[in-house]
Amino acid sequence: MSRAVLGLDRFLALLAGIVLLVAGAATAAWGAGWLVRVWSRSPQTLQLQTASDTFTTAWWPWAVGIAGAVSALLGLWWLLAHLPRRGVGPLSLPGSGRAGRLLIDPSGAASTAAEVLQETFGVRSASSRVVRDRGQLVVELKATVEPDADLTSVVAATDDVAADLQQVLGRDDARARVRLAVARRRRHRPRVH
């Protein structure tokens, strides 16, 4: 969720709270007969004839239909604006300053790390994605290893890939999370390695 949407949420929540507070207090004061002291022209009884006359006019169904369509579109936009976005865009590298910004797309580095990990003997497949998790930049690497793979060499390869990734990204807040899954069945590989 962007800062603009968060700011709009807070403003609208404050506005709705004020409206509900004033409407509730006015209703309670009107019911108790105190509203006349503050607003001398306050009605003693509610006249609903004007509202029922409005409901029978020719333009009322069109107005309600348009208001409903606009409300539905605003509601859809509101829901989409509140979807969690954990993806990460371009990152500033050390050395960025007033003269210019050095940027890196972390998804490219993460994809390359997954490709390097996939070349490790015993690793069947690997994928990656970059997310923000609790204020930290996290590169998630997922790898499927063969059932007979040497886990010591696979873990050593993941450590090397994570260290290389840290060096490429050049950021102190970058972390790597590696998840290894063991395949259920062995895939037939050529005997020559």
Protein backbone atom coordinates (compact mmCIF):
# COMPACT_ATOMS: atom_id res chain seq x y z
CA MET A 1 0.00 0.00 0.00
CA SER A 2 1.43 3.38 -1.00
CA ARG A 3 1.82 6.34 1.32
CA ALA A 4 -0.84 8.28 -0.60
CA VAL A 5 -3.41 5.52 -0.06
CA LEU A 6 -2.41 5.27 3.61
CA GLY A 7 -2.80 9.04 4.03
CA LEU A 8 -6.18 8.95 2.29
CA ASP A 9 -7.26 6.10 4.59
CA ARG A 10 -6.35 8.06 7.67
CA PHE A 11 -8.07 11.23 6.44
CA LEU A 12 -11.27 9.42 5.50
CA ALA A 13 -11.30 7.49 8.79
CA LEU A 14 -10.93 10.78 10.68
CA LEU A 15 -13.69 12.39 8.59
CA ALA A 16 -16.03 9.41 9.08
CA GLY A 17 -15.32 9.45 12.81
CA ILE A 18 -16.15 13.15 13.09
CA VAL A 19 -19.35 12.77 11.05
CA LEU A 20 -20.51 9.79 13.13
CA LEU A 21 -19.65 11.58 16.38
CA VAL A 22 -21.53 14.75 15.40
CA ALA A 23 -24.52 12.81 14.00
CA GLY A 24 -24.73 10.62 17.10
CA ALA A 25 -24.47 13.55 19.48
CA ALA A 26 -27.08 15.53 17.49
CA THR A 27 -29.46 12.57 17.43
CA ALA A 28 -29.08 12.02 21.16
CA ALA A 29 -29.55 15.76 21.84
CA TRP A 30 -32.61 15.91 19.55
CA GLY A 31 -34.19 12.89 21.23
CA ALA A 32 -33.64 14.42 24.67
CA GLY A 33 -34.99 17.82 23.56
CA TRP A 34 -31.67 19.63 24.05
CA LEU A 35 -31.02 20.38 20.37
CA VAL A 36 -33.52 23.28 20.47
CA ARG A 37 -31.22 25.14 22.90
CA VAL A 38 -28.35 25.06 20.37
CA TRP A 39 -30.33 25.22 17.12
CA SER A 40 -33.63 27.05 17.55
CA ARG A 41 -34.99 25.96 14.16
CA SER A 42 -34.54 22.25 14.84
CA PRO A 43 -37.66 20.28 13.86
CA GLN A 44 -39.84 18.75 16.55
CA THR A 45 -40.84 15.88 14.25
CA LEU A 46 -39.33 14.43 11.08
CA GLN A 47 -41.23 14.95 7.81
CA LEU A 48 -40.51 12.10 5.39
CA GLN A 49 -42.97 13.24 2.71
CA THR A 50 -40.23 15.11 0.79
CA ALA A 51 -38.05 11.98 0.70
CA SER A 52 -40.89 9.76 -0.52
CA ASP A 53 -41.74 12.34 -3.22
CA THR A 54 -38.14 12.19 -4.43
CA PHE A 55 -38.28 8.40 -4.74
CA THR A 56 -41.17 8.63 -7.24
CA THR A 57 -39.49 11.10 -9.65
CA ALA A 58 -38.31 9.94 -13.07
CA TRP A 59 -34.65 10.79 -12.50
CA TRP A 60 -34.31 8.89 -9.18
CA PRO A 61 -33.59 5.39 -10.64
CA TRP A 62 -30.94 6.85 -12.96
CA ALA A 63 -29.28 8.79 -10.15
CA VAL A 64 -29.23 5.73 -7.89
CA GLY A 65 -27.85 3.56 -10.72
CA ILE A 66 -25.04 6.00 -11.50
CA ALA A 67 -24.24 6.46 -7.80
CA GLY A 68 -24.16 2.67 -7.39
CA ALA A 69 -21.83 2.20 -10.38
CA VAL A 70 -19.48 4.95 -9.15
CA SER A 71 -19.53 3.46 -5.63
CA ALA A 72 -18.74 -0.01 -7.01
CA LEU A 73 -15.79 1.34 -9.04
CA LEU A 74 -14.48 3.30 -6.05
CA GLY A 75 -14.84 0.21 -3.87
CA LEU A 76 -12.94 -1.90 -6.39
CA TRP A 77 -10.18 0.71 -6.60
CA TRP A 78 -10.06 0.86 -2.80
CA LEU A 79 -9.67 -2.91 -2.52
CA LEU A 80 -6.98 -3.05 -5.20
CA ALA A 81 -5.09 -0.18 -3.54
CA HIS A 82 -5.02 -2.18 -0.31
CA LEU A 83 -3.61 -5.39 -1.77
CA PRO A 84 -0.29 -6.15 -0.13
CA ARG A 85 2.60 -5.51 -2.42
CA ARG A 86 5.71 -7.23 -1.23
CA GLY A 87 7.63 -6.83 -4.47
CA VAL A 88 10.63 -4.57 -4.66
CA GLY A 89 11.46 -2.09 -7.38
CA PRO A 90 14.87 -0.69 -8.28
CA LEU A 91 17.23 -0.16 -5.33
CA SER A 92 19.79 2.58 -4.76
CA LEU A 93 23.36 1.34 -4.52
CA PRO A 94 26.09 2.70 -2.28
CA GLY A 95 27.79 5.63 -3.97
CA SER A 96 24.54 7.30 -5.02
CA GLY A 97 24.59 10.99 -4.30
CA ARG A 98 23.73 14.40 -5.64
CA ALA A 99 25.65 13.81 -8.85
CA GLY A 100 23.50 10.82 -9.74
CA ARG A 101 21.84 7.67 -8.53
CA LEU A 102 23.13 4.17 -9.04
CA LEU A 103 20.24 1.74 -9.28
CA ILE A 104 19.98 -2.03 -9.49
CA ASP A 105 16.99 -4.19 -10.28
CA PRO A 106 17.21 -6.88 -7.59
CA SER A 107 15.01 -9.32 -9.51
CA GLY A 108 17.70 -9.70 -12.18
CA ALA A 109 20.34 -10.53 -9.59
CA ALA A 110 17.94 -12.95 -7.88
CA SER A 111 17.15 -14.70 -11.18
CA THR A 112 20.85 -15.11 -11.89
CA ALA A 113 21.38 -16.51 -8.39
CA ALA A 114 18.65 -19.07 -9.03
CA GLU A 115 20.24 -20.04 -12.35
CA VAL A 116 23.64 -20.47 -10.68
CA LEU A 117 22.09 -22.57 -7.91
CA GLN A 118 20.30 -24.72 -10.48
CA GLU A 119 23.66 -25.59 -12.07
CA THR A 120 24.73 -27.27 -8.83
CA PHE A 121 24.90 -31.05 -9.14
CA GLY A 122 21.86 -32.54 -7.41
CA VAL A 123 19.66 -29.46 -7.77
CA ARG A 124 16.72 -30.17 -10.08
CA SER A 125 15.25 -26.68 -10.26
CA ALA A 126 15.53 -23.29 -8.57
CA SER A 127 13.49 -20.09 -8.57
CA SER A 128 13.71 -16.76 -6.84
CA ARG A 129 11.81 -13.63 -5.91
CA VAL A 130 12.63 -10.43 -4.05
CA VAL A 131 10.32 -9.19 -1.26
CA ARG A 132 10.29 -6.80 1.66
CA ASP A 133 9.77 -8.68 4.91
CA ARG A 134 9.63 -6.77 8.21
CA GLY A 135 11.64 -3.87 6.79
CA GLN A 136 14.34 -6.05 5.32
CA LEU A 137 15.11 -6.81 1.69
CA VAL A 138 14.83 -10.59 1.32
CA VAL A 139 15.80 -12.66 -1.71
CA GLU A 140 13.87 -15.91 -1.47
CA LEU A 141 15.50 -18.81 -3.29
CA LYS A 142 13.55 -22.04 -3.63
CA ALA A 143 15.31 -25.13 -4.87
CA THR A 144 14.20 -28.70 -5.46
CA VAL A 145 16.96 -31.23 -4.95
CA GLU A 146 17.18 -34.85 -6.03
CA PRO A 147 16.53 -37.46 -3.33
CA ASP A 148 20.08 -38.78 -3.64
CA ALA A 149 21.78 -35.38 -3.75
CA ASP A 150 24.70 -34.65 -1.45
CA LEU A 151 23.12 -32.10 0.89
CA THR A 152 26.49 -30.92 2.18
CA SER A 153 27.55 -29.79 -1.29
CA VAL A 154 24.09 -28.30 -2.00
CA VAL A 155 24.20 -26.28 1.24
CA ALA A 156 27.74 -25.13 0.44
CA ALA A 157 26.53 -24.01 -3.00
CA THR A 158 23.62 -22.10 -1.46
CA ASP A 159 26.01 -20.38 0.94
CA ASP A 160 28.23 -19.37 -1.98
CA VAL A 161 25.25 -18.10 -4.00
CA ALA A 162 23.96 -16.11 -1.01
CA ALA A 163 27.38 -14.53 -0.42
CA ASP A 164 27.71 -13.62 -4.11
CA LEU A 165 24.21 -12.17 -4.07
CA GLN A 166 25.04 -10.03 -1.02
CA GLN A 167 28.12 -8.71 -2.81
CA VAL A 168 26.22 -7.99 -6.05
CA LEU A 169 23.39 -6.14 -4.29
CA GLY A 170 25.86 -4.24 -2.11
CA ARG A 171 23.29 -3.49 0.58
CA ASP A 172 23.48 -4.13 4.30
CA ASP A 173 19.72 -4.71 4.58
CA ALA A 174 19.72 -7.53 2.01
CA ARG A 175 19.19 -11.07 3.26
CA ALA A 176 18.84 -14.40 1.50
CA ARG A 177 16.32 -17.07 2.47
CA VAL A 178 16.89 -20.46 0.90
CA ARG A 179 14.26 -23.18 0.99
CA LEU A 180 15.24 -26.63 -0.12
CA ALA A 181 12.67 -29.25 -1.02
CA VAL A 182 13.56 -32.85 -1.75
CA ALA A 183 11.92 -34.36 -4.83
CA ARG A 184 9.81 -37.47 -4.23
CA ARG A 185 11.23 -39.44 -7.10
CA ARG A 186 14.63 -39.50 -8.67
CA ARG A 187 14.80 -38.06 -12.16
CA HIS A 188 16.85 -40.02 -14.65
CA ARG A 189 20.07 -38.21 -15.38
CA PRO A 190 22.87 -39.10 -17.71
CA ARG A 191 25.51 -41.23 -16.02
CA VAL A 192 28.36 -39.00 -17.12
CA HIS A 193 28.97 -35.89 -15.08
